[in-house]
């Protein structure tokens, strides 16, 4: 058809990834970022690493915590019990 409009939906439109519109999902965090992501303090993160509660990895001098490991650790924290009303 002459003059027909493109009826493609957003799902059908091919996306072109460029540096400007691409945001990679982090797979590991330094302890300071892991603290912010988990809502804990940096001191608590290092304490959990020291005690073996949280597994960290080393890359040279850098310490990193894998996303899945941080999620696992947070899920091991005690659940708050509801108070009876």
Protein backbone atom coordinates (compact mmCIF):
# COMPACT_ATOMS: atom_id res chain seq x y z
CA UNK A 1 0.00 0.00 0.00
CA UNK A 2 1.27 3.44 -0.84
CA UNK A 3 1.43 5.74 2.18
CA UNK A 4 0.67 2.96 4.71
CA UNK A 5 2.08 3.50 8.16
CA UNK A 6 4.39 1.01 9.80
CA UNK A 7 2.32 -1.16 12.13
CA UNK A 8 5.20 -2.94 13.85
CA UNK A 9 4.95 -3.12 17.61
CA UNK A 10 7.83 -2.30 19.95
CA UNK A 11 8.51 -6.04 20.35
CA UNK A 12 8.90 -6.46 16.59
CA UNK A 13 11.15 -3.46 16.07
CA UNK A 14 14.78 -4.56 16.00
CA UNK A 15 16.94 -2.88 18.61
CA UNK A 16 20.37 -1.59 17.86
CA UNK A 17 22.62 -1.67 20.89
CA UNK A 18 25.06 1.17 21.21
CA UNK A 19 27.27 2.30 24.05
CA UNK A 20 24.75 5.03 24.84
CA UNK A 21 21.73 2.76 25.29
CA UNK A 22 23.39 -0.38 26.68
CA UNK A 23 23.62 -0.91 30.43
CA UNK A 24 25.25 -4.18 31.43
CA UNK A 25 23.84 -6.00 34.44
CA UNK A 26 26.56 -6.36 37.09
CA UNK A 27 27.55 -9.94 37.87
CA UNK A 28 29.88 -9.00 40.74
CA UNK A 29 30.32 -6.09 43.11
CA UNK A 30 33.14 -4.61 45.16
CA UNK A 31 32.31 -4.70 48.91
CA UNK A 32 31.22 -1.04 49.05
CA UNK A 33 28.70 -1.57 46.24
CA UNK A 34 27.58 -4.91 47.74
CA UNK A 35 26.88 -3.01 50.97
CA UNK A 36 24.65 -0.50 49.18
CA UNK A 37 22.94 -3.22 47.13
CA UNK A 38 22.16 -5.29 50.23
CA UNK A 39 21.34 -2.44 52.58
CA UNK A 40 24.14 -3.50 54.95
CA UNK A 41 27.29 -1.64 55.91
CA UNK A 42 30.71 -2.16 54.39
CA UNK A 43 31.91 -3.32 57.83
CA UNK A 44 29.12 -5.92 57.97
CA UNK A 45 30.04 -7.16 54.47
CA UNK A 46 33.70 -7.60 55.46
CA UNK A 47 32.63 -9.27 58.73
CA UNK A 48 30.49 -11.75 56.79
CA UNK A 49 33.44 -12.48 54.49
CA UNK A 50 35.80 -12.99 57.45
CA UNK A 51 33.35 -15.35 59.20
CA UNK A 52 32.75 -17.37 56.02
CA UNK A 53 29.07 -16.39 55.81
CA UNK A 54 29.69 -14.61 52.51
CA UNK A 55 32.07 -15.90 49.85
CA UNK A 56 34.19 -13.29 48.08
CA UNK A 57 36.78 -13.63 45.34
CA UNK A 58 40.07 -11.86 44.72
CA UNK A 59 41.35 -10.40 41.48
CA UNK A 60 44.78 -9.13 42.38
CA UNK A 61 44.13 -6.76 45.29
CA UNK A 62 40.47 -6.28 44.40
CA UNK A 63 37.77 -8.11 46.34
CA UNK A 64 34.55 -8.91 44.50
CA UNK A 65 31.30 -10.57 45.52
CA UNK A 66 29.23 -12.36 42.91
CA UNK A 67 25.63 -11.20 42.55
CA UNK A 68 24.20 -14.69 43.20
CA UNK A 69 26.37 -15.09 46.31
CA UNK A 70 25.19 -11.76 47.70
CA UNK A 71 21.57 -12.81 47.08
CA UNK A 72 22.19 -16.18 48.76
CA UNK A 73 23.73 -14.50 51.81
CA UNK A 74 20.88 -12.02 52.21
CA UNK A 75 18.39 -14.90 52.07
CA UNK A 76 20.21 -16.61 54.98
CA UNK A 77 19.60 -13.66 57.28
CA UNK A 78 16.89 -14.25 59.90
CA UNK A 79 13.28 -13.57 58.97
CA UNK A 80 11.46 -10.98 61.07
CA UNK A 81 8.56 -12.57 62.89
CA UNK A 82 5.24 -10.74 62.94
CA UNK A 83 4.10 -9.55 66.35
CA UNK A 84 0.79 -10.77 67.65
CA UNK A 85 -1.77 -7.98 67.83
